[in-house]
Amino acid sequence: MHQNETRIQVADQKIGLRVSRSLGDTLAHNSSGVIEEPELSEYMVEPNDTIIILASCGVWDNLSNERVGLIAHSHYAEMKCEVAANAILAAAYEKAFNQPGKDDITCIVVFLDKKLLLRN
């Protein structure tokens, strides 16, 4: 890492990576200053909850919560999580494509089975 830089970079080249967290990576923490401890929050799943979406800032910076929810929900009846995630990724990428400094665009979609939630 170069002096006064907050990125891991290949020496003498402009390619590199800005990393804020590296879960459990004590080597990167000790040698590069990345944070190894994740930021956690808890949420109690309610019987009316149907979808969990985990996504990087590349999704949330380009699409509204409502848009992401609508895209995911449009695939809920068929229970096609992968199709929903790919549709969210495509929409985020399309919006970010011509913007400078595109960010990581990553998404996981989980559809909850309401019958299981109501049983517990």
PDB file of N, CA and C in Angstrom:
ATOM      1  N   MET A   1       0.856  -1.171   0.000  1.00  0.00           N
ATOM      2  CA  MET A   1       0.000   0.000   0.000  1.00  0.00           C
ATOM      3  C   MET A   1       0.898   1.229   0.000  1.00  0.00           C
ATOM      4  N   HIS A   2       0.593   2.199  -0.843  1.00  0.00           N
ATOM      5  CA  HIS A   2       1.381   3.417  -0.934  1.00  0.00           C
ATOM      6  C   HIS A   2       1.053   4.354   0.233  1.00  0.00           C
ATOM      7  N   GLN A   3       1.981   5.207   0.571  1.00  0.00           N
ATOM      8  CA  GLN A   3       1.757   6.219   1.598  1.00  0.00           C
ATOM      9  C   GLN A   3       0.530   7.053   1.225  1.00  0.00           C
ATOM     10  N   ASN A   4      -0.263   7.436   2.234  1.00  0.00           N
ATOM     11  CA  ASN A   4      -1.434   8.304   2.054  1.00  0.00           C
ATOM     12  C   ASN A   4      -2.500   7.702   1.149  1.00  0.00           C
ATOM     13  N   GLU A   5      -2.486   6.426   0.940  1.00  0.00           N
ATOM     14  CA  GLU A   5      -3.505   5.757   0.134  1.00  0.00           C
ATOM     15  C   GLU A   5      -4.322   4.862   1.047  1.00  0.00           C
ATOM     16  N   THR A   6      -5.599   4.793   0.800  1.00  0.00           N
ATOM     17  CA  THR A   6      -6.463   3.891   1.546  1.00  0.00           C
ATOM     18  C   THR A   6      -6.911   2.757   0.647  1.00  0.00           C
ATOM     19  N   ARG A   7      -5.961   2.182  -0.057  1.00  0.00           N
ATOM     20  CA  ARG A   7      -6.273   1.077  -0.940  1.00  0.00           C
ATOM     21  C   ARG A   7      -5.080   0.123  -0.997  1.00  0.00           C
ATOM     22  N   ILE A   8      -5.381  -1.116  -1.276  1.00  0.00           N
ATOM     23  CA  ILE A   8      -4.340  -2.100  -1.528  1.00  0.00           C
ATOM     24  C   ILE A   8      -4.054  -2.012  -3.015  1.00  0.00           C
ATOM     25  N   GLN A   9      -2.787  -1.832  -3.370  1.00  0.00           N
ATOM     26  CA  GLN A   9      -2.461  -1.522  -4.752  1.00  0.00           C
ATOM     27  C   GLN A   9      -1.224  -2.284  -5.203  1.00  0.00           C
ATOM     28  N   VAL A  10      -1.234  -2.662  -6.461  1.00  0.00           N
ATOM     29  CA  VAL A  10      -0.064  -3.274  -7.073  1.00  0.00           C
ATOM     30  C   VAL A  10       1.000  -2.187  -7.179  1.00  0.00           C
ATOM     31  N   ALA A  11       2.206  -2.482  -6.717  1.00  0.00           N
ATOM     32  CA  ALA A  11       3.279  -1.492  -6.708  1.00  0.00           C
ATOM     33  C   ALA A  11       3.495  -0.896  -8.092  1.00  0.00           C
ATOM     34  N   ASP A  12       3.628   0.403  -8.141  1.00  0.00           N
ATOM     35  CA  ASP A  12       3.936   1.155  -9.366  1.00  0.00           C
ATOM     36  C   ASP A  12       2.871   1.022 -10.456  1.00  0.00           C
ATOM     37  N   GLN A  13       1.665   0.648 -10.076  1.00  0.00           N
ATOM     38  CA  GLN A  13       0.570   0.569 -11.044  1.00  0.00           C
ATOM     39  C   GLN A  13      -0.653   1.249 -10.461  1.00  0.00           C
ATOM     40  N   LYS A  14      -1.597   1.592 -11.320  1.00  0.00           N
ATOM     41  CA  LYS A  14      -2.794   2.282 -10.860  1.00  0.00           C
ATOM     42  C   LYS A  14      -3.922   1.331 -10.488  1.00  0.00           C
ATOM     43  N   ILE A  15      -3.727   0.029 -10.667  1.00  0.00           N
ATOM     44  CA  ILE A  15      -4.790  -0.901 -10.305  1.00  0.00           C
ATOM     45  C   ILE A  15      -4.704  -1.217  -8.821  1.00  0.00           C
ATOM     46  N   GLY A  16      -5.833  -1.356  -8.209  1.00  0.00           N
ATOM     47  CA  GLY A  16      -5.846  -1.656  -6.786  1.00  0.00           C
ATOM     48  C   GLY A  16      -7.256  -1.894  -6.294  1.00  0.00           C
ATOM     49  N   LEU A  17      -7.376  -1.964  -4.999  1.00  0.00           N
ATOM     50  CA  LEU A  17      -8.647  -2.299  -4.374  1.00  0.00           C
ATOM     51  C   LEU A  17      -8.782  -1.528  -3.078  1.00  0.00           C
ATOM     52  N   ARG A  18      -9.905  -0.847  -2.911  1.00  0.00           N
ATOM     53  CA  ARG A  18     -10.200  -0.209  -1.634  1.00  0.00           C
ATOM     54  C   ARG A  18     -11.022  -1.203  -0.830  1.00  0.00           C
ATOM     55  N   VAL A  19     -10.534  -1.549   0.332  1.00  0.00           N
ATOM     56  CA  VAL A  19     -11.203  -2.548   1.171  1.00  0.00           C
ATOM     57  C   VAL A  19     -11.518  -1.929   2.514  1.00  0.00           C
ATOM     58  N   SER A  20     -12.762  -2.048   2.936  1.00  0.00           N
ATOM     59  CA  SER A  20     -13.106  -1.539   4.262  1.00  0.00           C
ATOM     60  C   SER A  20     -13.178  -2.676   5.272  1.00  0.00           C
ATOM     61  N   ARG A  21     -13.556  -3.856   4.815  1.00  0.00           N
ATOM     62  CA  ARG A  21     -13.648  -5.002   5.716  1.00  0.00           C
ATOM     63  C   ARG A  21     -13.176  -6.256   5.005  1.00  0.00           C
ATOM     64  N   SER A  22     -12.571  -7.123   5.774  1.00  0.00           N
ATOM     65  CA  SER A  22     -12.141  -8.416   5.265  1.00  0.00           C
ATOM     66  C   SER A  22     -12.430  -9.400   6.385  1.00  0.00           C
ATOM     67  N   LEU A  23     -13.604  -9.986   6.359  1.00  0.00           N
ATOM     68  CA  LEU A  23     -14.094 -10.787   7.474  1.00  0.00           C
ATOM     69  C   LEU A  23     -13.122 -11.868   7.898  1.00  0.00           C
ATOM     70  N   GLY A  24     -12.670 -11.779   9.134  1.00  0.00           N
ATOM     71  CA  GLY A  24     -11.807 -12.792   9.711  1.00  0.00           C
ATOM     72  C   GLY A  24     -10.396 -12.804   9.176  1.00  0.00           C
ATOM     73  N   ASP A  25     -10.034 -11.864   8.342  1.00  0.00           N
ATOM     74  CA  ASP A  25      -8.720 -11.861   7.712  1.00  0.00           C
ATOM     75  C   ASP A  25      -7.722 -11.084   8.576  1.00  0.00           C
ATOM     76  N   THR A  26      -7.156 -11.770   9.568  1.00  0.00           N
ATOM     77  CA  THR A  26      -6.222 -11.098  10.475  1.00  0.00           C
ATOM     78  C   THR A  26      -4.934 -10.707   9.764  1.00  0.00           C
ATOM     79  N   LEU A  27      -4.547 -11.454   8.732  1.00  0.00           N
ATOM     80  CA  LEU A  27      -3.336 -11.106   7.989  1.00  0.00           C
ATOM     81  C   LEU A  27      -3.501  -9.738   7.315  1.00  0.00           C
ATOM     82  N   ALA A  28      -4.623  -9.546   6.620  1.00  0.00           N
ATOM     83  CA  ALA A  28      -4.873  -8.247   5.978  1.00  0.00           C
ATOM     84  C   ALA A  28      -5.029  -7.153   7.022  1.00  0.00           C
ATOM     85  N   HIS A  29      -5.645  -7.493   8.142  1.00  0.00           N
ATOM     86  CA  HIS A  29      -5.825  -6.515   9.219  1.00  0.00           C
ATOM     87  C   HIS A  29      -4.471  -6.051   9.748  1.00  0.00           C
ATOM     88  N   ASN A  30      -3.586  -7.003   9.988  1.00  0.00           N
ATOM     89  CA  ASN A  30      -2.290  -6.674  10.561  1.00  0.00           C
ATOM     90  C   ASN A  30      -1.355  -5.988   9.571  1.00  0.00           C
ATOM     91  N   SER A  31      -1.429  -6.362   8.294  1.00  0.00           N
ATOM     92  CA  SER A  31      -0.469  -5.825   7.327  1.00  0.00           C
ATOM     93  C   SER A  31      -1.006  -4.656   6.500  1.00  0.00           C
ATOM     94  N   SER A  32      -2.318  -4.556   6.357  1.00  0.00           N
ATOM     95  CA  SER A  32      -2.858  -3.546   5.453  1.00  0.00           C
ATOM     96  C   SER A  32      -3.859  -2.608   6.108  1.00  0.00           C
ATOM     97  N   GLY A  33      -4.247  -2.899   7.331  1.00  0.00           N
ATOM     98  CA  GLY A  33      -5.155  -2.009   8.036  1.00  0.00           C
ATOM     99  C   GLY A  33      -6.626  -2.178   7.736  1.00  0.00           C
ATOM    100  N   VAL A  34      -7.021  -3.256   7.045  1.00  0.00           N
ATOM    101  CA  VAL A  34      -8.446  -3.469   6.816  1.00  0.00           C
ATOM    102  C   VAL A  34      -9.093  -3.958   8.101  1.00  0.00           C
ATOM    103  N   ILE A  35     -10.387  -3.725   8.225  1.00  0.00           N
ATOM    104  CA  ILE A  35     -11.124  -4.090   9.427  1.00  0.00           C
ATOM    105  C   ILE A  35     -11.568  -5.546   9.297  1.00  0.00           C
ATOM    106  N   GLU A  36     -11.243  -6.361  10.277  1.00  0.00           N
ATOM    107  CA  GLU A  36     -11.600  -7.788  10.211  1.00  0.00           C
ATOM    108  C   GLU A  36     -12.909  -8.101  10.927  1.00  0.00           C
ATOM    109  N   GLU A  37     -13.399  -7.188  11.749  1.00  0.00           N
ATOM    110  CA  GLU A  37     -14.632  -7.416  12.507  1.00  0.00           C
ATOM    111  C   GLU A  37     -15.825  -6.882  11.719  1.00  0.00           C
ATOM    112  N   PRO A  38     -16.812  -7.733  11.427  1.00  0.00           N
ATOM    113  CA  PRO A  38     -17.972  -7.261  10.665  1.00  0.00           C
ATOM    114  C   PRO A  38     -18.888  -6.401  11.527  1.00  0.00           C
ATOM    115  N   GLU A  39     -19.665  -5.552  10.861  1.00  0.00           N
ATOM    116  CA  GLU A  39     -20.719  -4.810  11.537  1.00  0.00           C
ATOM    117  C   GLU A  39     -21.972  -5.676  11.446  1.00  0.00           C
ATOM    118  N   LEU A  40     -22.563  -6.009  12.581  1.00  0.00           N
ATOM    119  CA  LEU A  40     -23.705  -6.918  12.607  1.00  0.00           C
ATOM    120  C   LEU A  40     -24.955  -6.202  13.102  1.00  0.00           C
ATOM    121  N   SER A  41     -26.084  -6.621  12.595  1.00  0.00           N
ATOM    122  CA  SER A  41     -27.368  -6.177  13.121  1.00  0.00           C
ATOM    123  C   SER A  41     -28.309  -7.378  13.088  1.00  0.00           C
ATOM    124  N   GLU A  42     -29.260  -7.369  13.987  1.00  0.00           N
ATOM    125  CA  GLU A  42     -30.210  -8.488  14.075  1.00  0.00           C
ATOM    126  C   GLU A  42     -31.604  -8.006  13.726  1.00  0.00           C
ATOM    127  N   TYR A  43     -32.371  -8.900  13.142  1.00  0.00           N
ATOM    128  CA  TYR A  43     -33.752  -8.617  12.808  1.00  0.00           C
ATOM    129  C   TYR A  43     -34.548  -9.898  13.043  1.00  0.00           C
ATOM    130  N   MET A  44     -35.616  -9.792  13.773  1.00  0.00           N
ATOM    131  CA  MET A  44     -36.469 -10.953  14.032  1.00  0.00           C
ATOM    132  C   MET A  44     -37.441 -11.109  12.859  1.00  0.00           C
ATOM    133  N   VAL A  45     -37.366 -12.238  12.167  1.00  0.00           N
ATOM    134  CA  VAL A  45     -38.241 -12.487  11.022  1.00  0.00           C
ATOM    135  C   VAL A  45     -39.675 -12.636  11.525  1.00  0.00           C
ATOM    136  N   GLU A  46     -40.569 -11.913  10.882  1.00  0.00           N
ATOM    137  CA  GLU A  46     -41.990 -11.920  11.236  1.00  0.00           C
ATOM    138  C   GLU A  46     -42.765 -12.785  10.237  1.00  0.00           C
ATOM    139  N   PRO A  47     -43.942 -13.273  10.630  1.00  0.00           N
ATOM    140  CA  PRO A  47     -44.720 -14.134   9.728  1.00  0.00           C
ATOM    141  C   PRO A  47     -45.065 -13.493   8.379  1.00  0.00           C
ATOM    142  N   ASN A  48     -45.156 -12.175   8.299  1.00  0.00           N
ATOM    143  CA  ASN A  48     -45.482 -11.508   7.037  1.00  0.00           C
ATOM    144  C   ASN A  48     -44.264 -11.254   6.159  1.00  0.00           C
ATOM    145  N   ASP A  49     -43.075 -11.509   6.669  1.00  0.00           N
ATOM    146  CA  ASP A  49     -41.866 -11.330   5.866  1.00  0.00           C
ATOM    147  C   ASP A  49     -41.779 -12.444   4.827  1.00  0.00           C
ATOM    148  N   THR A  50     -41.422 -12.073   3.609  1.00  0.00           N
ATOM    149  CA  THR A  50     -41.373 -13.071   2.539  1.00  0.00           C
ATOM    150  C   THR A  50     -40.023 -13.156   1.836  1.00  0.00           C
ATOM    151  N   ILE A  51     -39.249 -12.075   1.881  1.00  0.00           N
ATOM    152  CA  ILE A  51     -38.011 -12.024   1.109  1.00  0.00           C
ATOM    153  C   ILE A  51     -36.899 -11.395   1.944  1.00  0.00           C
ATOM    154  N   ILE A  52     -35.708 -11.975   1.859  1.00  0.00           N
ATOM    155  CA  ILE A  52     -34.511 -11.374   2.434  1.00  0.00           C
ATOM    156  C   ILE A  52     -33.573 -11.063   1.271  1.00  0.00           C
ATOM    157  N   ILE A  53     -33.082  -9.832   1.229  1.00  0.00           N
ATOM    158  CA  ILE A  53     -32.158  -9.420   0.173  1.00  0.00           C
ATOM    159  C   ILE A  53     -30.881  -8.904   0.832  1.00  0.00           C
ATOM    160  N   LEU A  54     -29.775  -9.536   0.520  1.00  0.00           N
ATOM    161  CA  LEU A  54     -28.461  -9.096   0.970  1.00  0.00           C
ATOM    162  C   LEU A  54     -27.736  -8.586  -0.262  1.00  0.00           C
ATOM    163  N   ALA A  55     -27.312  -7.336  -0.225  1.00  0.00           N
ATOM    164  CA  ALA A  55     -26.684  -6.769  -1.414  1.00  0.00           C
ATOM    165  C   ALA A  55     -25.607  -5.764  -1.024  1.00  0.00           C
ATOM    166  N   SER A  56     -24.663  -5.597  -1.914  1.00  0.00           N
ATOM    167  CA  SER A  56     -23.580  -4.637  -1.705  1.00  0.00           C
ATOM    168  C   SER A  56     -24.052  -3.233  -2.063  1.00  0.00           C
ATOM    169  N   CYS A  57     -23.210  -2.272  -1.724  1.00  0.00           N
ATOM    170  CA  CYS A  57     -23.568  -0.870  -1.995  1.00  0.00           C
ATOM    171  C   CYS A  57     -23.731  -0.603  -3.488  1.00  0.00           C
ATOM    172  N   GLY A  58     -23.137  -1.430  -4.339  1.00  0.00           N
ATOM    173  CA  GLY A  58     -23.321  -1.265  -5.770  1.00  0.00           C
ATOM    174  C   GLY A  58     -24.767  -1.439  -6.206  1.00  0.00           C
ATOM    175  N   VAL A  59     -25.535  -2.210  -5.441  1.00  0.00           N
ATOM    176  CA  VAL A  59     -26.974  -2.339  -5.698  1.00  0.00           C
ATOM    177  C   VAL A  59     -27.698  -1.149  -5.097  1.00  0.00           C
ATOM    178  N   TRP A  60     -27.462  -0.895  -3.794  1.00  0.00           N
ATOM    179  CA  TRP A  60     -28.226   0.126  -3.074  1.00  0.00           C
ATOM    180  C   TRP A  60     -27.903   1.541  -3.543  1.00  0.00           C
ATOM    181  N   ASP A  61     -26.709   1.783  -4.067  1.00  0.00           N
ATOM    182  CA  ASP A  61     -26.372   3.109  -4.592  1.00  0.00           C
ATOM    183  C   ASP A  61     -27.051   3.384  -5.923  1.00  0.00           C
ATOM    184  N   ASN A  62     -27.472   2.340  -6.616  1.00  0.00           N
ATOM    185  CA  ASN A  62     -28.049   2.503  -7.946  1.00  0.00           C
ATOM    186  C   ASN A  62     -29.549   2.262  -8.021  1.00  0.00           C
ATOM    187  N   LEU A  63     -30.087   1.528  -7.069  1.00  0.00           N
ATOM    188  CA  LEU A  63     -31.518   1.213  -7.088  1.00  0.00           C
ATOM    189  C   LEU A  63     -32.133   1.540  -5.733  1.00  0.00           C
ATOM    190  N   SER A  64     -33.363   1.985  -5.742  1.00  0.00           N
ATOM    191  CA  SER A  64     -34.069   2.267  -4.487  1.00  0.00           C
ATOM    192  C   SER A  64     -34.490   0.957  -3.822  1.00  0.00           C
ATOM    193  N   ASN A  65     -34.752   1.024  -2.526  1.00  0.00           N
ATOM    194  CA  ASN A  65     -35.262  -0.149  -1.805  1.00  0.00           C
ATOM    195  C   ASN A  65     -36.536  -0.661  -2.463  1.00  0.00           C
ATOM    196  N   GLU A  66     -37.403   0.269  -2.855  1.00  0.00           N
ATOM    197  CA  GLU A  66     -38.670  -0.110  -3.480  1.00  0.00           C
ATOM    198  C   GLU A  66     -38.438  -0.854  -4.789  1.00  0.00           C
ATOM    199  N   ARG A  67     -37.533  -0.349  -5.608  1.00  0.00           N
ATOM    200  CA  ARG A  67     -37.241  -0.986  -6.912  1.00  0.00           C
ATOM    201  C   ARG A  67     -36.691  -2.392  -6.717  1.00  0.00           C
ATOM    202  N   VAL A  68     -35.752  -2.549  -5.782  1.00  0.00           N
ATOM    203  CA  VAL A  68     -35.169  -3.865  -5.503  1.00  0.00           C
ATOM    204  C   VAL A  68     -36.260  -4.820  -5.016  1.00  0.00           C
ATOM    205  N   GLY A  69     -37.108  -4.332  -4.117  1.00  0.00           N
ATOM    206  CA  GLY A  69     -38.196  -5.164  -3.606  1.00  0.00           C
ATOM    207  C   GLY A  69     -39.173  -5.586  -4.688  1.00  0.00           C
ATOM    208  N   LEU A  70     -39.503  -4.656  -5.580  1.00  0.00           N
ATOM    209  CA  LEU A  70     -40.424  -4.980  -6.674  1.00  0.00           C
ATOM    210  C   LEU A  70     -39.838  -6.024  -7.617  1.00  0.00           C
ATOM    211  N   ILE A  71     -38.563  -5.875  -7.912  1.00  0.00           N
ATOM    212  CA  ILE A  71     -37.909  -6.853  -8.795  1.00  0.00           C
ATOM    213  C   ILE A  71     -37.930  -8.235  -8.146  1.00  0.00           C
ATOM    214  N   ALA A  72     -37.523  -8.311  -6.885  1.00  0.00           N
ATOM    215  CA  ALA A  72     -37.491  -9.608  -6.190  1.00  0.00           C
ATOM    216  C   ALA A  72     -38.891 -10.199  -6.078  1.00  0.00           C
ATOM    217  N   HIS A  73     -39.857  -9.361  -5.706  1.00  0.00           N
ATOM    218  CA  HIS A  73     -41.224  -9.859  -5.517  1.00  0.00           C
ATOM    219  C   HIS A  73     -41.829 -10.391  -6.808  1.00  0.00           C
ATOM    220  N   SER A  74     -41.403  -9.852  -7.949  1.00  0.00           N
ATOM    221  CA  SER A  74     -41.957 -10.327  -9.225  1.00  0.00           C
ATOM    222  C   SER A  74     -41.572 -11.777  -9.516  1.00  0.00           C
ATOM    223  N   HIS A  75     -40.612 -12.327  -8.773  1.00  0.00           N
ATOM    224  CA  HIS A  75     -40.186 -13.720  -8.963  1.00  0.00           C
ATOM    225  C   HIS A  75     -40.550 -14.609  -7.770  1.00  0.00           C
ATOM    226  N   TYR A  76     -41.252 -14.043  -6.801  1.00  0.00           N
ATOM    227  CA  TYR A  76     -41.572 -14.770  -5.570  1.00  0.00           C
ATOM    228  C   TYR A  76     -42.538 -15.934  -5.809  1.00  0.00           C
ATOM    229  N   ALA A  77     -43.554 -15.741  -6.635  1.00  0.00           N
ATOM    230  CA  ALA A  77     -44.557 -16.792  -6.858  1.00  0.00           C
ATOM    231  C   ALA A  77     -43.924 -18.069  -7.392  1.00  0.00           C
ATOM    232  N   GLU A  78     -42.889 -17.919  -8.240  1.00  0.00           N
ATOM    233  CA  GLU A  78     -42.206 -19.092  -8.800  1.00  0.00           C
ATOM    234  C   GLU A  78     -41.085 -19.579  -7.882  1.00  0.00           C
ATOM    235  N   MET A  79     -40.802 -18.821  -6.803  1.00  0.00           N
ATOM    236  CA  MET A  79     -39.722 -19.157  -5.851  1.00  0.00           C
ATOM    237  C   MET A  79     -38.381 -19.294  -6.575  1.00  0.00           C
ATOM    238  N   LYS A  80     -38.100 -18.368  -7.483  1.00  0.00           N
ATOM    239  CA  LYS A  80     -36.852 -18.407  -8.254  1.00  0.00           C
ATOM    240  C   LYS A  80     -35.903 -17.328  -7.739  1.00  0.00           C
ATOM    241  N   CYS A  81     -35.196 -17.652  -6.665  1.00  0.00           N
ATOM    242  CA  CYS A  81     -34.272 -16.706  -6.028  1.00  0.00           C
ATOM    243  C   CYS A  81     -33.158 -16.267  -6.970  1.00  0.00           C
ATOM    244  N   GLU A  82     -32.575 -17.220  -7.681  1.00  0.00           N
ATOM    245  CA  GLU A  82     -31.456 -16.902  -8.557  1.00  0.00           C
ATOM    246  C   GLU A  82     -31.885 -15.969  -9.676  1.00  0.00           C
ATOM    247  N   VAL A  83     -33.064 -16.196 -10.217  1.00  0.00           N
ATOM    248  CA  VAL A  83     -33.583 -15.330 -11.273  1.00  0.00           C
ATOM    249  C   VAL A  83     -33.806 -13.923 -10.724  1.00  0.00           C
ATOM    250  N   ALA A  84     -34.358 -13.829  -9.513  1.00  0.00           N
ATOM    251  CA  ALA A  84     -34.589 -12.531  -8.876  1.00  0.00           C
ATOM    252  C   ALA A  84     -33.266 -11.796  -8.645  1.00  0.00           C
ATOM    253  N   ALA A  85     -32.274 -12.495  -8.104  1.00  0.00           N
ATOM    254  CA  ALA A  85     -30.971 -11.884  -7.845  1.00  0.00           C
ATOM    255  C   ALA A  85     -30.332 -11.397  -9.145  1.00  0.00           C
ATOM    256  N   ASN A  86     -30.400 -12.207 -10.195  1.00  0.00           N
ATOM    257  CA  ASN A  86     -29.824 -11.815 -11.481  1.00  0.00           C
ATOM    258  C   ASN A  86     -30.542 -10.604 -12.079  1.00  0.00           C
ATOM    259  N   ALA A  87     -31.860 -10.520 -11.882  1.00  0.00           N
ATOM    260  CA  ALA A  87     -32.617  -9.373 -12.386  1.00  0.00           C
ATOM    261  C   ALA A  87     -32.224  -8.095 -11.627  1.00  0.00           C
ATOM    262  N   ILE A  88     -32.015  -8.206 -10.322  1.00  0.00           N
ATOM    263  CA  ILE A  88     -31.563  -7.061  -9.524  1.00  0.00           C
ATOM    264  C   ILE A  88     -30.172  -6.624  -9.973  1.00  0.00           C
ATOM    265  N   LEU A  89     -29.284  -7.599 -10.158  1.00  0.00           N
ATOM    266  CA  LEU A  89     -27.923  -7.294 -10.615  1.00  0.00           C
ATOM    267  C   LEU A  89     -27.939  -6.603 -11.980  1.00  0.00           C
ATOM    268  N   ALA A  90     -28.764  -7.104 -12.894  1.00  0.00           N
ATOM    269  CA  ALA A  90     -28.839  -6.525 -14.236  1.00  0.00           C
ATOM    270  C   ALA A  90     -29.339  -5.081 -14.179  1.00  0.00           C
ATOM    271  N   ALA A  91     -30.341  -4.818 -13.356  1.00  0.00           N
ATOM    272  CA  ALA A  91     -30.878  -3.459 -13.237  1.00  0.00           C
ATOM    273  C   ALA A  91     -29.843  -2.517 -12.626  1.00  0.00           C
ATOM    274  N   ALA A  92     -29.140  -2.970 -11.602  1.00  0.00           N
ATOM    275  CA  ALA A  92     -28.109  -2.141 -10.965  1.00  0.00           C
ATOM    276  C   ALA A  92     -26.954  -1.889 -11.924  1.00  0.00           C
ATOM    277  N   TYR A  93     -26.528  -2.923 -12.629  1.00  0.00           N
ATOM    278  CA  TYR A  93     -25.418  -2.775 -13.576  1.00  0.00           C
ATOM    279  C   TYR A  93     -25.794  -1.827 -14.713  1.00  0.00           C
ATOM    280  N   GLU A  94     -27.020  -1.955 -15.215  1.00  0.00           N
ATOM    281  CA  GLU A  94     -27.471  -1.093 -16.309  1.00  0.00           C
ATOM    282  C   GLU A  94     -27.421   0.375 -15.895  1.00  0.00           C
ATOM    283  N   LYS A  95     -27.849   0.662 -14.671  1.00  0.00           N
ATOM    284  CA  LYS A  95     -27.830   2.047 -14.198  1.00  0.00           C
ATOM    285  C   LYS A  95     -26.401   2.523 -13.943  1.00  0.00           C
ATOM    286  N   ALA A  96     -25.534   1.648 -13.454  1.00  0.00           N
ATOM    287  CA  ALA A  96     -24.166   2.034 -13.090  1.00  0.00           C
ATOM    288  C   ALA A  96     -23.209   2.019 -14.270  1.00  0.00           C
ATOM    289  N   PHE A  97     -23.588   1.394 -15.357  1.00  0.00           N
ATOM    290  CA  PHE A  97     -22.659   1.116 -16.457  1.00  0.00           C
ATOM    291  C   PHE A  97     -21.895   2.340 -16.947  1.00  0.00           C
ATOM    292  N   ASN A  98     -22.574   3.444 -17.158  1.00  0.00           N
ATOM    293  CA  ASN A  98     -21.912   4.626 -17.705  1.00  0.00           C
ATOM    294  C   ASN A  98     -21.454   5.617 -16.641  1.00  0.00           C
ATOM    295  N   GLN A  99     -21.517   5.230 -15.391  1.00  0.00           N
ATOM    296  CA  GLN A  99     -21.087   6.122 -14.321  1.00  0.00           C
ATOM    297  C   GLN A  99     -19.625   5.867 -13.977  1.00  0.00           C
ATOM    298  N   PRO A 100     -18.889   6.928 -13.641  1.00  0.00           N
ATOM    299  CA  PRO A 100     -17.501   6.715 -13.212  1.00  0.00           C
ATOM    300  C   PRO A 100     -17.465   6.041 -11.842  1.00  0.00           C
ATOM    301  N   GLY A 101     -16.428   5.268 -11.606  1.00  0.00           N
ATOM    302  CA  GLY A 101     -16.251   4.652 -10.292  1.00  0.00           C
ATOM    303  C   GLY A 101     -17.309   3.624  -9.946  1.00  0.00           C
ATOM    304  N   LYS A 102     -17.680   2.801 -10.914  1.00  0.00           N
ATOM    305  CA  LYS A 102     -18.662   1.741 -10.625  1.00  0.00           C
ATOM    306  C   LYS A 102     -18.213   0.948  -9.409  1.00  0.00           C
ATOM    307  N   ASP A 103     -19.156   0.570  -8.590  1.00  0.00           N
ATOM    308  CA  ASP A 103     -18.852  -0.148  -7.368  1.00  0.00           C
ATOM    309  C   ASP A 103     -19.153  -1.628  -7.544  1.00  0.00           C
ATOM    310  N   ASP A 104     -18.783  -2.394  -6.564  1.00  0.00           N
ATOM    311  CA  ASP A 104     -19.094  -3.813  -6.534  1.00  0.00           C
ATOM    312  C   ASP A 104     -20.610  -3.982  -6.576  1.00  0.00           C
ATOM    313  N   ILE A 105     -21.099  -4.854  -7.428  1.00  0.00           N
ATOM    314  CA  ILE A 105     -22.541  -5.104  -7.523  1.00  0.00           C
ATOM    315  C   ILE A 105     -22.763  -6.587  -7.235  1.00  0.00           C
ATOM    316  N   THR A 106     -23.224  -6.863  -6.014  1.00  0.00           N
ATOM    317  CA  THR A 106     -23.409  -8.235  -5.545  1.00  0.00           C
ATOM    318  C   THR A 106     -24.772  -8.343  -4.870  1.00  0.00           C
ATOM    319  N   CYS A 107     -25.451  -9.474  -5.060  1.00  0.00           N
ATOM    320  CA  CYS A 107     -26.788  -9.622  -4.482  1.00  0.00           C
ATOM    321  C   CYS A 107     -27.109 -11.092  -4.201  1.00  0.00           C
ATOM    322  N   ILE A 108     -27.747 -11.319  -3.060  1.00  0.00           N
ATOM    323  CA  ILE A 108     -28.285 -12.640  -2.705  1.00  0.00           C
ATOM    324  C   ILE A 108     -29.750 -12.433  -2.344  1.00  0.00           C
ATOM    325  N   VAL A 109     -30.624 -13.265  -2.883  1.00  0.00           N
ATOM    326  CA  VAL A 109     -32.050 -13.201  -2.582  1.00  0.00           C
ATOM    327  C   VAL A 109     -32.472 -14.523  -1.952  1.00  0.00           C
ATOM    328  N   VAL A 110     -33.211 -14.418  -0.854  1.00  0.00           N
ATOM    329  CA  VAL A 110     -33.745 -15.600  -0.162  1.00  0.00           C
ATOM    330  C   VAL A 110     -35.254 -15.433  -0.065  1.00  0.00           C
ATOM    331  N   PHE A 111     -35.996 -16.410  -0.562  1.00  0.00           N
ATOM    332  CA  PHE A 111     -37.451 -16.400  -0.413  1.00  0.00           C
ATOM    333  C   PHE A 111     -37.813 -17.255   0.794  1.00  0.00           C
ATOM    334  N   LEU A 112     -38.643 -16.705   1.670  1.00  0.00           N
ATOM    335  CA  LEU A 112     -39.045 -17.405   2.885  1.00  0.00           C
ATOM    336  C   LEU A 112     -40.336 -18.175   2.632  1.00  0.00           C
ATOM    337  N   ASP A 113     -40.398 -19.366   3.171  1.00  0.00           N
ATOM    338  CA  ASP A 113     -41.597 -20.202   3.068  1.00  0.00           C
ATOM    339  C   ASP A 113     -42.519 -19.826   4.219  1.00  0.00           C
ATOM    340  N   LYS A 114     -43.646 -19.174   3.928  1.00  0.00           N
ATOM    341  CA  LYS A 114     -44.547 -18.689   4.973  1.00  0.00           C
ATOM    342  C   LYS A 114     -45.084 -19.820   5.834  1.00  0.00           C
ATOM    343  N   LYS A 115     -45.255 -21.006   5.272  1.00  0.00           N
ATOM    344  CA  LYS A 115     -45.781 -22.125   6.070  1.00  0.00           C
ATOM    345  C   LYS A 115     -44.812 -22.473   7.197  1.00  0.00           C
ATOM    346  N   LEU A 116     -43.518 -22.453   6.901  1.00  0.00           N
ATOM    347  CA  LEU A 116     -42.522 -22.736   7.934  1.00  0.00           C
ATOM    348  C   LEU A 116     -42.483 -21.635   8.984  1.00  0.00           C
ATOM    349  N   LEU A 117     -42.596 -20.397   8.561  1.00  0.00           N
ATOM    350  CA  LEU A 117     -42.584 -19.287   9.505  1.00  0.00           C
ATOM    351  C   LEU A 117     -43.778 -19.346  10.453  1.00  0.00           C
ATOM    352  N   LEU A 118     -44.943 -19.665   9.921  1.00  0.00           N
ATOM    353  CA  LEU A 118     -46.159 -19.726  10.742  1.00  0.00           C
ATOM    354  C   LEU A 118     -46.114 -20.908  11.710  1.00  0.00           C
ATOM    355  N   ARG A 119     -45.447 -21.986  11.332  1.00  0.00           N
ATOM    356  CA  ARG A 119     -45.334 -23.165  12.204  1.00  0.00           C
ATOM    357  C   ARG A 119     -44.459 -22.879  13.412  1.00  0.00           C
ATOM    358  N   ASN A 120     -43.457 -22.059  13.239  1.00  0.00           N
ATOM    359  CA  ASN A 120     -42.541 -21.761  14.332  1.00  0.00           C
ATOM    360  C   ASN A 120     -42.994 -20.533  15.067  1.00  0.00           C
TER     361      ASN A 120
END
